[in-house]
Amino acid sequence: MKKFETQAIRTQADRSHNREHSVPTYMTSSFMFDDAEHMRAMFAGEAEGNIYSRYSNPNTDELVKKVCLMEGAEAGFTTASGMSAVFNSIVPFLKTGDHVIATRAVFGSTHQILTQILPRWNITYTYVEPEDVGSWEEAVQANTKMLITETPSNPGLALIDLEAAGEFAKKHDLLFCVDNCFATPYIQQPIKYGADLVCHSATKWMDGQGRVLGGIIVGKEALMKEIQVFIRHSGPAMSPFNAWMISKSLETLAVRMDRHCSNAKKVARFFDENAEIKRVLYPHHPSHPQYKLARKQMKLGGGIVTFEVVGGYDRAKAFIDEISMISLSSNLGDARSIVTHPSSTTHSKLSEAERLSVGITPGMIRLSVGLEHIEDIIGDLKQALDKTKIKAKVTVS
């Protein structure tokens, strides 16, 4: 089998008669048929090919094939956004009266799905602690159908022991769904540990340059057939252009992630040695509480560093305002470094108690470490810390 980097570059849709080296964008809403019988056979599923770009397109087909190879999955489907991928990896398998188990440390919008949307259909949930798989047994009910996890989590970088979670799901006959966005398939492949479904916000590291929205779900073929029916008729289709952009970006995913992770590890070390930082979280830094687990199941530490500044919310706000080069945005996984204040933005819909239960404090900042020179990244962080420290002293005096 070819290596990860080779698969990412050499997996392409079939070329046209023009013999192009780079696969073109297939900007078409529909496809033609040879005759009436061909049309009938296509709609009956007796012949292969594209019918309508809401169903499939050569560009989305290529993207799916690449990510399946990367994740070790049998089949997949693209969606218009990452949250659409999360939603459509959950809902097709549930009905009124079902129950799901989810690890407490999930993204804010995933939390909204679990707590606000699913209950409308009388689908209940139980949160479990991500770090303690042994305590999950008491959450299992007779109507439990699915285990929903995210690892590393956003923004607190809590890890799930994927091997233990896979054994737990198998023991209780649960569908095991993993949001693998933060790690990317380059860093970890949850299917190796028993995951049935893996979803991604392709908007993040897969695109890698903050250009397009997209999501993808991959997993077992039988499960993907159920998802396919749901998605085809609810319509969250990824555009061919976005699929083309993301597929091209995957050609450089390994190279980019190597640099993202290298830079992030150096930033974590800088924070760990700075007295103005109360806490720093990075999976491959020894101070991370699950460092051994991270080394076991993650090839690298990822491109996110989460830290808490001394001084709480006011200091965090002042620090962000003093940032010069690094971008202020709610996105992540970009070539450009980005800072976000989770408690007032991405996780603001959670109550304060809910945020604190997953370690999101008022002084916490999420840093998506980009591809700029590491000295420039650290230089910007240092000057913002220094300026806010000086201002704090002036205020006190």
Protein backbone atom coordinates (compact mmCIF):
# COMPACT_ATOMS: atom_id res chain seq x y z
CA MET A 1 0.00 0.00 0.00
CA LYS A 2 1.25 3.47 -0.88
CA LYS A 3 2.19 5.85 1.93
CA PHE A 4 -0.13 8.58 3.23
CA GLU A 5 1.53 11.41 1.32
CA THR A 6 1.50 9.48 -1.96
CA GLN A 7 -2.17 8.58 -1.62
CA ALA A 8 -3.04 12.21 -0.94
CA ILE A 9 -1.28 13.36 -4.10
CA ARG A 10 -1.91 10.49 -6.52
CA THR A 11 -5.55 9.69 -5.78
CA GLN A 12 -7.55 11.48 -8.47
CA ALA A 13 -10.85 11.28 -10.33
CA ASP A 14 -10.74 9.85 -13.85
CA ARG A 15 -9.26 12.24 -16.36
CA SER A 16 -11.30 13.49 -19.30
CA HIS A 17 -10.35 13.18 -22.97
CA ASN A 18 -8.29 16.37 -22.54
CA ARG A 19 -5.63 14.44 -20.57
CA GLU A 20 -5.30 17.13 -17.90
CA HIS A 21 -2.69 16.62 -15.20
CA SER A 22 -4.75 18.35 -12.50
CA VAL A 23 -8.36 17.19 -12.27
CA PRO A 24 -10.68 20.02 -13.38
CA THR A 25 -13.70 21.32 -11.51
CA TYR A 26 -16.95 19.77 -12.67
CA MET A 27 -19.18 22.81 -12.27
CA THR A 28 -22.41 21.16 -13.33
CA SER A 29 -25.65 20.60 -11.48
CA SER A 30 -26.59 17.49 -13.46
CA PHE A 31 -25.29 14.80 -15.80
CA MET A 32 -26.61 13.33 -19.05
CA PHE A 33 -27.68 9.77 -19.87
CA ASP A 34 -27.09 7.69 -22.98
CA ASP A 35 -30.74 6.75 -23.41
CA ALA A 36 -33.95 6.08 -21.48
CA GLU A 37 -32.78 2.66 -20.29
CA HIS A 38 -29.50 4.11 -19.03
CA MET A 39 -31.43 6.77 -17.13
CA ARG A 40 -33.70 4.15 -15.57
CA ALA A 41 -30.75 1.93 -14.58
CA MET A 42 -28.92 4.83 -12.99
CA PHE A 43 -31.87 5.83 -10.82
CA ALA A 44 -32.47 2.19 -9.92
CA GLY A 45 -28.88 1.85 -8.73
CA GLU A 46 -28.13 -0.81 -11.35
CA ALA A 47 -25.50 1.30 -13.12
CA GLU A 48 -22.72 3.40 -11.63
CA GLY A 49 -22.13 7.05 -12.34
CA ASN A 50 -23.24 10.55 -11.51
CA ILE A 51 -26.85 11.67 -11.75
CA TYR A 52 -27.08 15.01 -9.96
CA SER A 53 -24.49 16.99 -8.02
CA ARG A 54 -26.67 16.94 -4.91
CA TYR A 55 -26.00 13.18 -4.95
CA SER A 56 -22.43 13.01 -6.22
CA ASN A 57 -19.96 14.70 -8.52
CA PRO A 58 -16.49 13.70 -9.79
CA ASN A 59 -14.93 16.28 -7.46
CA THR A 60 -16.74 15.11 -4.34
CA ASP A 61 -16.09 11.49 -5.37
CA GLU A 62 -12.36 12.21 -5.53
CA LEU A 63 -12.37 13.89 -2.12
CA VAL A 64 -14.27 11.01 -0.53
CA LYS A 65 -11.89 8.46 -2.02
CA LYS A 66 -8.86 10.31 -0.65
CA VAL A 67 -10.22 10.67 2.87
CA CYS A 68 -11.36 7.04 2.94
CA LEU A 69 -7.81 5.96 2.10
CA MET A 70 -6.41 8.29 4.76
CA GLU A 71 -8.81 7.12 7.48
CA GLY A 72 -8.97 3.46 6.49
CA ALA A 73 -12.72 3.74 5.79
CA GLU A 74 -14.90 1.84 3.35
CA ALA A 75 -17.09 4.70 2.11
CA GLY A 76 -17.93 8.34 2.72
CA PHE A 77 -20.03 11.35 1.89
CA THR A 78 -19.30 15.07 1.72
CA THR A 79 -21.41 17.83 3.24
CA ALA A 80 -21.65 21.60 2.97
CA SER A 81 -19.99 22.26 6.33
CA GLY A 82 -18.32 20.56 9.25
CA MET A 83 -21.38 20.88 11.47
CA SER A 84 -23.49 19.34 8.73
CA ALA A 85 -21.10 16.39 8.84
CA VAL A 86 -21.50 16.12 12.62
CA PHE A 87 -25.31 16.38 12.40
CA ASN A 88 -25.58 13.86 9.58
CA SER A 89 -23.33 11.36 11.33
CA ILE A 90 -25.78 11.30 14.25
CA VAL A 91 -29.39 11.86 13.17
CA PRO A 92 -29.85 9.16 10.47
CA PHE A 93 -29.40 6.46 13.10
CA LEU A 94 -31.75 7.76 15.79
CA LYS A 95 -35.49 7.75 16.33
CA THR A 96 -37.90 9.03 18.97
CA GLY A 97 -37.15 7.46 22.34
CA ASP A 98 -33.49 6.69 21.67
CA HIS A 99 -30.63 7.68 23.94
CA VAL A 100 -27.03 8.66 23.18
CA ILE A 101 -23.88 8.92 25.25
CA ALA A 102 -21.54 11.81 24.48
CA THR A 103 -18.29 12.90 26.00
CA ARG A 104 -18.80 16.19 27.83
CA ALA A 105 -16.01 18.04 26.04
CA VAL A 106 -17.60 18.65 22.63
CA PHE A 107 -17.75 21.69 20.37
CA GLY A 108 -20.37 24.33 21.22
CA SER A 109 -22.57 23.58 18.20
CA THR A 110 -22.41 19.83 18.88
CA HIS A 111 -23.56 20.64 22.41
CA GLN A 112 -26.50 22.56 20.94
CA ILE A 113 -27.49 19.56 18.78
CA LEU A 114 -27.42 17.26 21.81
CA THR A 115 -29.14 19.58 24.27
CA GLN A 116 -31.51 21.66 22.12
CA ILE A 117 -32.30 19.84 18.86
CA LEU A 118 -32.39 16.12 19.65
CA PRO A 119 -34.70 16.60 22.68
CA ARG A 120 -37.34 18.02 20.32
CA TRP A 121 -37.65 14.46 18.98
CA ASN A 122 -37.55 12.95 22.47
CA ILE A 123 -33.99 11.74 21.95
CA THR A 124 -32.13 11.96 25.23
CA TYR A 125 -28.44 12.18 26.05
CA THR A 126 -26.03 11.58 28.89
CA TYR A 127 -22.68 13.32 29.14
CA VAL A 128 -19.68 11.34 30.38
CA GLU A 129 -16.22 12.52 31.33
CA PRO A 130 -13.84 12.17 28.37
CA GLU A 131 -10.83 11.19 30.45
CA ASP A 132 -12.50 8.38 32.43
CA VAL A 133 -13.83 5.64 30.14
CA GLY A 134 -14.21 3.36 33.14
CA SER A 135 -17.01 5.55 34.51
CA TRP A 136 -19.11 5.35 31.33
CA GLU A 137 -20.81 2.06 32.27
CA GLU A 138 -23.39 3.76 34.49
CA ALA A 139 -24.52 5.93 31.55
CA VAL A 140 -25.66 2.97 29.44
CA GLN A 141 -29.42 2.52 29.14
CA ALA A 142 -31.55 -0.09 27.39
CA ASN A 143 -32.30 2.43 24.61
CA THR A 144 -28.72 3.71 24.15
CA LYS A 145 -27.78 3.63 20.46
CA MET A 146 -24.65 5.72 19.96
CA LEU A 147 -21.41 6.96 21.50
CA ILE A 148 -20.42 10.45 20.30
CA THR A 149 -16.89 11.71 20.93
CA GLU A 150 -14.43 14.38 19.92
CA THR A 151 -10.69 13.98 20.40
CA PRO A 152 -8.79 16.17 20.95
CA SER A 153 -11.68 18.33 22.11
CA ASN A 154 -12.34 21.94 21.17
CA PRO A 155 -10.98 24.02 22.88
CA GLY A 156 -9.72 22.19 25.98
CA LEU A 157 -7.78 19.46 24.11
CA ALA A 158 -9.16 16.67 26.28
CA LEU A 159 -8.43 13.25 24.81
CA ILE A 160 -10.52 10.11 24.50
CA ASP A 161 -8.76 6.78 24.90
CA LEU A 162 -9.87 5.54 21.49
CA GLU A 163 -8.96 1.92 22.14
CA ALA A 164 -10.93 1.82 25.40
CA ALA A 165 -13.83 3.71 23.83
CA GLY A 166 -13.92 1.28 20.93
CA GLU A 167 -14.08 -1.68 23.31
CA PHE A 168 -16.82 0.03 25.32
CA ALA A 169 -18.92 0.67 22.19
CA LYS A 170 -18.47 -2.90 20.97
CA LYS A 171 -19.42 -4.32 24.37
CA HIS A 172 -22.72 -2.42 24.39
CA ASP A 173 -23.41 -2.63 20.64
CA LEU A 174 -23.24 1.14 20.17
CA LEU A 175 -22.43 3.07 17.02
CA PHE A 176 -19.10 4.78 17.75
CA CYS A 177 -18.76 8.21 16.13
CA VAL A 178 -15.57 10.31 16.38
CA ASP A 179 -15.05 13.94 15.41
CA ASN A 180 -11.44 13.75 14.21
CA CYS A 181 -11.16 17.35 13.02
CA PHE A 182 -8.41 18.55 15.37
CA ALA A 183 -6.12 15.59 14.75
CA THR A 184 -6.73 15.09 11.01
CA PRO A 185 -6.25 11.60 9.53
CA TYR A 186 -2.54 12.35 9.24
CA ILE A 187 -2.19 12.33 13.04
CA GLN A 188 -4.69 9.66 14.08
CA GLN A 189 -7.14 7.21 12.51
CA PRO A 190 -9.99 6.36 14.93
CA ILE A 191 -11.24 3.49 12.75
CA LYS A 192 -8.14 1.53 13.78
CA TYR A 193 -9.53 1.60 17.32
CA GLY A 194 -13.07 0.54 16.45
CA ALA A 195 -14.80 3.77 15.36
CA ASP A 196 -17.74 3.15 13.02
CA LEU A 197 -18.00 6.73 11.75
CA VAL A 198 -15.46 9.55 11.55
CA CYS A 199 -16.40 13.12 10.69
CA HIS A 200 -14.41 16.22 9.86
CA SER A 201 -14.86 19.90 9.36
CA ALA A 202 -12.91 20.05 6.11
CA THR A 203 -13.06 23.84 6.52
CA LYS A 204 -10.19 23.53 8.98
CA TRP A 205 -6.89 21.73 8.39
CA MET A 206 -8.07 19.89 5.28
CA ASP A 207 -8.55 23.13 3.35
CA GLY A 208 -5.88 24.71 5.50
CA GLN A 209 -6.09 28.23 4.14
CA GLY A 210 -9.42 29.58 5.33
CA ARG A 211 -11.03 29.60 1.89
CA VAL A 212 -14.01 27.26 1.73
CA LEU A 213 -16.58 25.48 3.90
CA GLY A 214 -16.98 21.72 3.84
CA GLY A 215 -17.50 18.59 5.87
CA ILE A 216 -16.99 14.88 5.34
CA ILE A 217 -18.16 11.67 6.99
CA VAL A 218 -16.42 8.33 6.39
CA GLY A 219 -16.90 4.88 7.84
CA LYS A 220 -18.43 1.48 7.24
CA GLU A 221 -20.17 1.10 3.89
CA ALA A 222 -23.44 -0.18 5.35
CA LEU A 223 -23.68 2.85 7.63
CA MET A 224 -22.78 5.25 4.86
CA LYS A 225 -25.67 3.91 2.77
CA GLU A 226 -28.06 5.03 5.51
CA ILE A 227 -26.36 8.42 5.71
CA GLN A 228 -26.47 8.72 1.92
CA VAL A 229 -30.26 8.33 1.85
CA PHE A 230 -30.64 10.96 4.57
CA ILE A 231 -28.25 13.43 2.95
CA ARG A 232 -29.57 12.99 -0.58
CA HIS A 233 -33.06 13.94 0.48
CA SER A 234 -32.17 16.67 2.97
CA GLY A 235 -29.70 18.30 0.61
CA PRO A 236 -26.57 19.53 2.49
CA ALA A 237 -24.39 19.04 -0.60
CA MET A 238 -20.80 20.25 -0.90
CA SER A 239 -20.19 22.31 -4.01
CA PRO A 240 -17.90 20.78 -6.67
CA PHE A 241 -15.61 23.81 -6.44
CA ASN A 242 -15.19 23.45 -2.67
CA ALA A 243 -14.52 19.73 -3.08
CA TRP A 244 -11.88 20.48 -5.71
CA MET A 245 -10.21 23.06 -3.43
CA ILE A 246 -10.12 20.73 -0.44
CA SER A 247 -8.93 17.76 -2.48
CA LYS A 248 -6.05 19.81 -3.88
CA SER A 249 -5.21 21.00 -0.36
CA LEU A 250 -5.00 17.43 0.91
CA GLU A 251 -1.97 16.99 -1.34
CA THR A 252 -0.03 19.14 1.12
CA LEU A 253 -1.77 18.09 4.37
CA ALA A 254 1.18 16.06 5.66
CA VAL A 255 3.71 18.80 4.93
CA ARG A 256 1.51 21.46 6.50
CA MET A 257 0.67 19.44 9.60
CA ASP A 258 4.34 18.70 10.21
CA ARG A 259 5.01 22.45 10.37
CA HIS A 260 1.81 23.30 12.28
CA CYS A 261 2.72 20.73 14.93
CA SER A 262 6.36 21.74 15.09
CA ASN A 263 5.42 25.39 15.61
CA ALA A 264 2.70 24.50 18.14
CA LYS A 265 5.09 22.43 20.23
CA LYS A 266 7.52 25.36 20.42
CA VAL A 267 4.71 27.74 21.37
CA ALA A 268 3.61 25.36 24.14
CA ARG A 269 7.17 25.29 25.46
CA PHE A 270 7.30 29.11 25.40
CA PHE A 271 4.05 29.36 27.35
CA ASP A 272 5.12 26.71 29.85
CA GLU A 273 8.20 28.78 30.70
CA ASN A 274 6.31 32.10 30.96
CA ALA A 275 5.13 33.27 34.39
CA GLU A 276 2.25 35.20 32.79
CA ILE A 277 0.63 31.93 31.68
CA LYS A 278 -1.42 30.14 34.32
CA ARG A 279 -1.97 26.95 32.33
CA VAL A 280 -0.99 25.58 28.93
CA LEU A 281 -2.54 22.59 27.17
CA TYR A 282 -0.90 20.80 24.25
CA PRO A 283 -1.23 17.01 23.76
CA HIS A 284 2.45 16.39 23.01
CA HIS A 285 3.79 18.62 25.78
CA PRO A 286 4.70 16.74 28.99
CA SER A 287 2.50 19.05 31.08
CA HIS A 288 -0.66 17.79 29.37
CA PRO A 289 -2.56 15.55 31.83
CA GLN A 290 -3.01 12.88 29.13
CA TYR A 291 0.46 13.16 27.63
CA LYS A 292 1.08 9.38 27.62
CA LEU A 293 -2.20 8.72 25.86
CA ALA A 294 -1.46 11.44 23.31
CA ARG A 295 1.89 9.86 22.53
CA LYS A 296 0.19 6.50 22.14
CA GLN A 297 -2.60 7.40 19.70
CA MET A 298 -1.49 10.68 18.09
CA LYS A 299 1.44 10.74 15.68
CA LEU A 300 1.96 14.45 16.45
CA GLY A 301 0.41 16.91 18.90
CA GLY A 302 -1.75 18.89 16.47
CA GLY A 303 -1.84 22.56 15.62
CA ILE A 304 -3.87 23.92 18.56
CA VAL A 305 -2.42 25.28 21.78
CA THR A 306 -4.88 26.32 24.48
CA PHE A 307 -3.68 28.50 27.32
CA GLU A 308 -4.95 30.53 30.25
CA VAL A 309 -3.47 33.91 31.05
CA VAL A 310 -2.89 35.21 34.56
CA GLY A 311 -5.55 37.84 35.20
CA GLY A 312 -8.68 36.13 33.93
CA TYR A 313 -11.13 37.60 31.44
CA ASP A 314 -9.88 41.19 31.57
CA ARG A 315 -6.30 40.11 30.89
CA ALA A 316 -7.41 37.75 28.12
CA LYS A 317 -9.35 40.53 26.42
CA ALA A 318 -6.45 42.96 26.77
CA PHE A 319 -4.00 40.36 25.46
CA ILE A 320 -6.11 39.72 22.37
CA ASP A 321 -6.43 43.46 21.73
CA GLU A 322 -2.64 43.81 21.82
CA ILE A 323 -2.03 41.03 19.28
CA SER A 324 -0.39 42.53 16.21
CA MET A 325 0.27 39.88 13.54
CA ILE A 326 -1.88 36.95 14.62
CA SER A 327 -5.46 37.04 13.33
CA LEU A 328 -8.56 37.42 15.50
CA SER A 329 -11.07 34.96 14.10
CA SER A 330 -13.37 32.12 15.14
CA ASN A 331 -11.83 29.83 12.52
CA LEU A 332 -8.83 27.53 12.96
CA GLY A 333 -6.59 25.25 10.92
CA ASP A 334 -5.42 28.12 8.71
CA ALA A 335 -1.95 28.83 7.36
CA ARG A 336 -2.25 32.02 9.42
CA SER A 337 -2.13 31.85 13.21
CA ILE A 338 -5.46 32.71 14.86
CA VAL A 339 -6.51 33.52 18.42
CA THR A 340 -10.03 33.02 19.77
CA HIS A 341 -11.60 33.59 23.18
CA PRO A 342 -13.86 30.52 23.54
CA SER A 343 -16.01 31.57 26.49
CA SER A 344 -17.24 34.71 24.72
CA THR A 345 -17.43 33.29 21.18
CA THR A 346 -17.48 29.64 20.09
CA HIS A 347 -18.74 28.35 23.46
CA SER A 348 -20.71 31.41 24.56
CA LYS A 349 -24.05 29.55 24.30
CA LEU A 350 -23.00 27.24 27.11
CA SER A 351 -23.75 28.37 30.65
CA GLU A 352 -20.83 29.38 32.83
CA ALA A 353 -21.22 26.15 34.79
CA GLU A 354 -21.19 24.10 31.58
CA ARG A 355 -18.05 25.87 30.38
CA LEU A 356 -16.26 25.37 33.66
CA SER A 357 -17.22 21.69 33.69
CA VAL A 358 -15.11 21.19 30.56
CA GLY A 359 -12.31 23.48 31.70
CA ILE A 360 -13.23 26.58 29.69
CA THR A 361 -12.32 29.42 32.03
CA PRO A 362 -12.79 33.18 31.39
CA GLY A 363 -9.04 33.57 30.91
CA MET A 364 -8.69 30.73 28.38
CA ILE A 365 -7.51 31.50 24.84
CA ARG A 366 -7.38 29.08 21.90
CA LEU A 367 -4.44 29.55 19.55
CA SER A 368 -4.47 27.89 16.14
CA VAL A 369 -0.76 27.91 15.34
CA GLY A 370 -0.06 28.77 11.71
CA LEU A 371 2.78 28.37 9.28
CA GLU A 372 4.51 31.69 9.86
CA HIS A 373 8.09 31.63 11.11
CA ILE A 374 8.07 30.46 14.71
CA GLU A 375 10.09 33.47 15.90
CA ASP A 376 7.44 35.82 14.52
CA ILE A 377 4.60 33.87 16.14
CA ILE A 378 6.28 33.78 19.54
CA GLY A 379 7.39 37.39 19.15
CA ASP A 380 3.79 38.53 18.71
CA LEU A 381 2.61 36.49 21.70
CA LYS A 382 5.45 37.80 23.86
CA GLN A 383 4.86 41.46 23.05
CA ALA A 384 1.13 41.11 23.82
CA LEU A 385 1.91 39.45 27.15
CA ASP A 386 4.52 42.11 27.98
CA LYS A 387 2.21 45.01 27.13
CA THR A 388 -0.68 43.69 29.17
CA LYS A 389 1.63 42.96 32.09
CA ILE A 390 2.88 46.54 32.03
CA LYS A 391 -0.65 47.91 31.85
CA ALA A 392 -1.69 45.77 34.81
CA LYS A 393 1.19 47.19 36.86
CA VAL A 394 0.29 50.78 35.94
CA THR A 395 -3.33 50.19 36.95
CA VAL A 396 -2.32 48.79 40.34
CA SER A 397 0.05 51.64 41.11
